[in-house]
Amino acid sequence: MTLEPPTDRRKRRTHTAVLDAAQELFRREGYRGTTIDMLASAADVAVSSIYANFAAGKADVYAALAWRTATRHAEVMSAVIDASTPRGEVAAVFDRYVAFHRENPLALRILALTDVEVGESELAREAKIRIDGVLSGLIGSFAGAVEVAGADVNPRALVSVSWAAVNGAYSLFQRRMVDEATLDAMLGIARADLLSHVGVDDAS
């Protein structure tokens, strides 16, 4: 078993259907509240088909979904940005990060593999290593853009603080500790703080 979709077309369809179903069920019911039977029903596949694709069952499904989320995150964050200035590019990367998490409310939790122990699944252990590498690479890439734009503090530290602020704001929102207006205000503060340390050639 691997984290990647199978090359066989039929197995790949099952793999995709199960991950799509898991994404919705884990968001709505939580990992613990979702059963293999629920996944099979939502994906319109047999329970045996899930185990044929995910040997450790639900934990493997979670790991594969986490890896798919990480790869999509990397694709979104790495796409070419059409910005007129280096500072504008930094602003655009920040905005992409915010938008990704707004559109993928499960991402923070699942990228951290919050709901599974790596001992439950070999795939979960592999997913954690890979995801850590992807996220570290994204931070490094963003820090490179900050460095090009010019920063008055350590670029990697600045990016890390910025992402932590966004993650914290979304975490509070998802726990219903802040409303959407407050979330937007917090994200605006985080954006302004980031840009206050970066260049002076753009008013983004």
Protein backbone atom coordinates (compact mmCIF):
# COMPACT_ATOMS: atom_id res chain seq x y z
CA MET A 1 0.00 0.00 0.00
CA THR A 2 1.22 3.51 -0.79
CA LEU A 3 -0.01 7.04 -0.25
CA GLU A 4 -0.26 7.61 -3.99
CA PRO A 5 -3.41 6.73 -5.97
CA PRO A 6 -3.14 3.24 -7.55
CA THR A 7 -2.19 3.01 -11.21
CA ASP A 8 -5.01 0.53 -11.87
CA ARG A 9 -8.00 2.57 -13.09
CA ARG A 10 -10.65 0.74 -11.06
CA LYS A 11 -8.63 0.84 -7.86
CA ARG A 12 -7.86 4.50 -8.48
CA ARG A 13 -11.57 5.27 -8.77
CA THR A 14 -12.21 3.49 -5.47
CA HIS A 15 -9.26 5.26 -3.84
CA THR A 16 -10.54 8.67 -4.97
CA ALA A 17 -14.16 7.95 -4.01
CA VAL A 18 -13.14 6.83 -0.51
CA LEU A 19 -10.95 9.90 0.05
CA ASP A 20 -13.68 12.23 -1.20
CA ALA A 21 -16.18 10.58 1.15
CA ALA A 22 -13.70 10.69 4.03
CA GLN A 23 -13.04 14.39 3.53
CA GLU A 24 -16.72 15.18 3.97
CA LEU A 25 -17.40 12.67 6.75
CA PHE A 26 -14.33 13.60 8.80
CA ARG A 27 -15.31 17.26 8.52
CA ARG A 28 -18.93 16.65 9.48
CA GLU A 29 -18.75 13.71 11.90
CA GLY A 30 -15.13 13.80 13.01
CA TYR A 31 -12.63 11.00 12.64
CA ARG A 32 -13.85 9.07 15.68
CA GLY A 33 -17.47 9.50 14.65
CA THR A 34 -16.88 8.07 11.17
CA THR A 35 -17.03 4.30 10.69
CA ILE A 36 -15.79 2.13 7.85
CA ASP A 37 -19.42 1.29 7.07
CA MET A 38 -20.19 5.02 6.76
CA LEU A 39 -17.21 5.49 4.45
CA ALA A 40 -18.27 2.55 2.30
CA SER A 41 -21.82 3.84 2.03
CA ALA A 42 -20.79 7.42 1.22
CA ALA A 43 -18.23 6.26 -1.36
CA ASP A 44 -20.63 3.65 -2.78
CA VAL A 45 -18.07 0.87 -2.46
CA ALA A 46 -17.91 -2.38 -0.53
CA VAL A 47 -16.20 -2.46 2.85
CA SER A 48 -13.88 -5.12 1.42
CA SER A 49 -12.85 -2.67 -1.30
CA ILE A 50 -11.78 -0.14 1.32
CA TYR A 51 -9.55 -2.70 3.03
CA ALA A 52 -8.17 -3.80 -0.35
CA ASN A 53 -6.99 -0.21 -0.89
CA PHE A 54 -6.30 0.77 2.74
CA ALA A 55 -5.04 -2.23 4.70
CA ALA A 56 -5.15 -0.53 8.12
CA GLY A 57 -8.67 0.71 7.47
CA LYS A 58 -9.70 4.16 8.61
CA ALA A 59 -6.20 5.16 9.79
CA ASP A 60 -4.79 4.50 6.32
CA VAL A 61 -7.66 6.44 4.75
CA TYR A 62 -6.82 9.38 7.01
CA ALA A 63 -3.13 9.19 6.11
CA ALA A 64 -3.85 9.07 2.38
CA LEU A 65 -6.27 11.99 2.67
CA ALA A 66 -3.65 13.96 4.62
CA TRP A 67 -1.09 13.34 1.87
CA ARG A 68 -3.57 14.33 -0.85
CA THR A 69 -4.32 17.53 1.08
CA ALA A 70 -0.59 18.28 1.39
CA THR A 71 0.03 17.80 -2.32
CA ARG A 72 -2.89 20.05 -3.22
CA HIS A 73 -1.64 22.63 -0.74
CA ALA A 74 1.78 22.55 -2.39
CA GLU A 75 0.25 22.92 -5.86
CA VAL A 76 -1.80 25.94 -4.80
CA MET A 77 1.08 27.62 -3.01
CA SER A 78 3.62 26.93 -5.77
CA ALA A 79 1.57 28.19 -8.72
CA VAL A 80 3.02 31.16 -10.59
CA ILE A 81 2.04 34.55 -9.14
CA ASP A 82 1.57 37.55 -11.38
CA ALA A 83 2.66 40.35 -9.06
CA SER A 84 4.14 43.67 -10.10
CA THR A 85 6.59 43.89 -7.19
CA PRO A 86 8.39 41.52 -4.82
CA ARG A 87 6.35 42.91 -1.91
CA GLY A 88 3.18 42.31 -3.90
CA GLU A 89 4.26 38.69 -4.39
CA VAL A 90 4.68 38.25 -0.64
CA ALA A 91 1.17 39.63 -0.11
CA ALA A 92 -0.21 37.29 -2.78
CA VAL A 93 1.44 34.22 -1.21
CA PHE A 94 -0.04 35.14 2.17
CA ASP A 95 -3.45 35.56 0.57
CA ARG A 96 -3.15 32.14 -1.08
CA TYR A 97 -2.35 30.54 2.26
CA VAL A 98 -5.39 32.16 3.84
CA ALA A 99 -7.63 31.18 0.92
CA PHE A 100 -6.47 27.56 0.98
CA HIS A 101 -7.45 27.17 4.62
CA ARG A 102 -10.71 29.02 4.13
CA GLU A 103 -11.62 26.61 1.33
CA ASN A 104 -10.29 23.53 3.16
CA PRO A 105 -11.49 23.74 6.77
CA LEU A 106 -10.20 20.24 7.56
CA ALA A 107 -6.66 21.00 6.36
CA LEU A 108 -5.13 22.26 9.60
CA ARG A 109 -6.27 19.23 11.54
CA ILE A 110 -5.51 16.62 8.94
CA LEU A 111 -2.10 17.97 7.89
CA ALA A 112 -1.05 17.63 11.52
CA LEU A 113 -2.39 14.03 11.56
CA THR A 114 -4.20 15.11 14.73
CA ASP A 115 -6.61 12.20 14.88
CA VAL A 116 -4.31 9.23 14.33
CA GLU A 117 -1.25 7.87 16.08
CA VAL A 118 1.57 7.07 13.68
CA GLY A 119 1.77 3.65 15.37
CA GLU A 120 -1.71 2.83 14.05
CA SER A 121 -0.58 2.84 10.44
CA GLU A 122 2.61 2.57 8.43
CA LEU A 123 1.02 4.98 5.95
CA ALA A 124 0.43 7.52 8.73
CA ARG A 125 4.11 7.35 9.67
CA GLU A 126 5.13 7.84 6.05
CA ALA A 127 2.57 10.62 5.58
CA LYS A 128 3.92 12.55 8.57
CA ILE A 129 7.47 12.47 7.21
CA ARG A 130 6.35 13.53 3.75
CA ILE A 131 3.99 16.25 4.95
CA ASP A 132 6.63 17.73 7.24
CA GLY A 133 8.93 17.92 4.23
CA VAL A 134 6.30 19.59 2.06
CA LEU A 135 5.40 22.18 4.70
CA SER A 136 9.04 22.92 5.42
CA GLY A 137 9.63 23.41 1.70
CA LEU A 138 6.68 25.79 1.41
CA ILE A 139 7.94 27.85 4.33
CA GLY A 140 11.38 27.96 2.73
CA SER A 141 9.93 29.07 -0.60
CA PHE A 142 7.84 31.79 1.04
CA ALA A 143 10.86 32.91 3.07
CA GLY A 144 12.79 33.18 -0.20
CA ALA A 145 10.14 35.54 -1.59
CA VAL A 146 10.33 37.59 1.62
CA GLU A 147 14.12 37.75 1.33
CA VAL A 148 13.91 38.98 -2.27
CA ALA A 149 11.46 41.68 -1.22
CA GLY A 150 13.69 42.71 1.67
CA ALA A 151 12.83 42.17 5.32
CA ASP A 152 13.93 43.80 8.57
CA VAL A 153 13.80 40.47 10.44
CA ASN A 154 14.79 36.86 9.72
CA PRO A 155 12.64 35.85 6.70
CA ARG A 156 11.98 32.26 7.78
CA ALA A 157 11.06 33.35 11.30
CA LEU A 158 8.75 36.02 9.88
CA VAL A 159 6.98 33.51 7.62
CA SER A 160 6.68 31.00 10.46
CA VAL A 161 5.13 33.61 12.76
CA SER A 162 2.78 34.71 9.98
CA TRP A 163 1.59 31.17 9.24
CA ALA A 164 1.22 30.45 12.96
CA ALA A 165 -1.00 33.51 13.29
CA VAL A 166 -3.21 32.33 10.42
CA ASN A 167 -3.36 28.79 11.80
CA GLY A 168 -4.25 30.07 15.25
CA ALA A 169 -6.98 32.33 13.92
CA TYR A 170 -8.56 29.49 11.95
CA SER A 171 -8.25 27.14 14.91
CA LEU A 172 -10.14 29.57 17.14
CA PHE A 173 -12.78 30.03 14.44
CA GLN A 174 -13.25 26.29 14.00
CA ARG A 175 -13.69 25.92 17.76
CA ARG A 176 -16.32 28.71 17.59
CA MET A 177 -14.31 30.92 19.92
CA VAL A 178 -14.39 33.78 17.41
CA ASP A 179 -16.96 34.68 14.78
CA GLU A 180 -16.27 35.21 11.08
CA ALA A 181 -15.92 38.98 11.39
CA THR A 182 -13.31 38.54 14.12
CA LEU A 183 -11.54 35.89 12.06
CA ASP A 184 -11.31 38.31 9.14
CA ALA A 185 -9.99 41.03 11.44
CA MET A 186 -7.35 38.69 12.85
CA LEU A 187 -6.24 37.65 9.37
CA GLY A 188 -6.04 41.30 8.36
CA ILE A 189 -3.82 42.06 11.35
CA ALA A 190 -1.56 39.11 10.52
CA ARG A 191 -1.27 40.28 6.89
CA ALA A 192 -0.50 43.86 7.90
CA ASP A 193 2.11 42.69 10.41
CA LEU A 194 3.83 40.53 7.78
CA LEU A 195 3.95 43.35 5.24
CA SER A 196 5.15 45.86 7.84
CA HIS A 197 8.44 43.96 7.88
CA VAL A 198 8.75 43.58 4.10
CA GLY A 199 9.96 46.17 1.57
CA VAL A 200 8.39 49.56 0.86
CA ASP A 201 7.80 49.41 -2.89
CA ASP A 202 4.12 48.39 -2.84
CA ALA A 203 1.05 49.41 -0.90
CA SER A 204 -0.52 45.91 -0.77
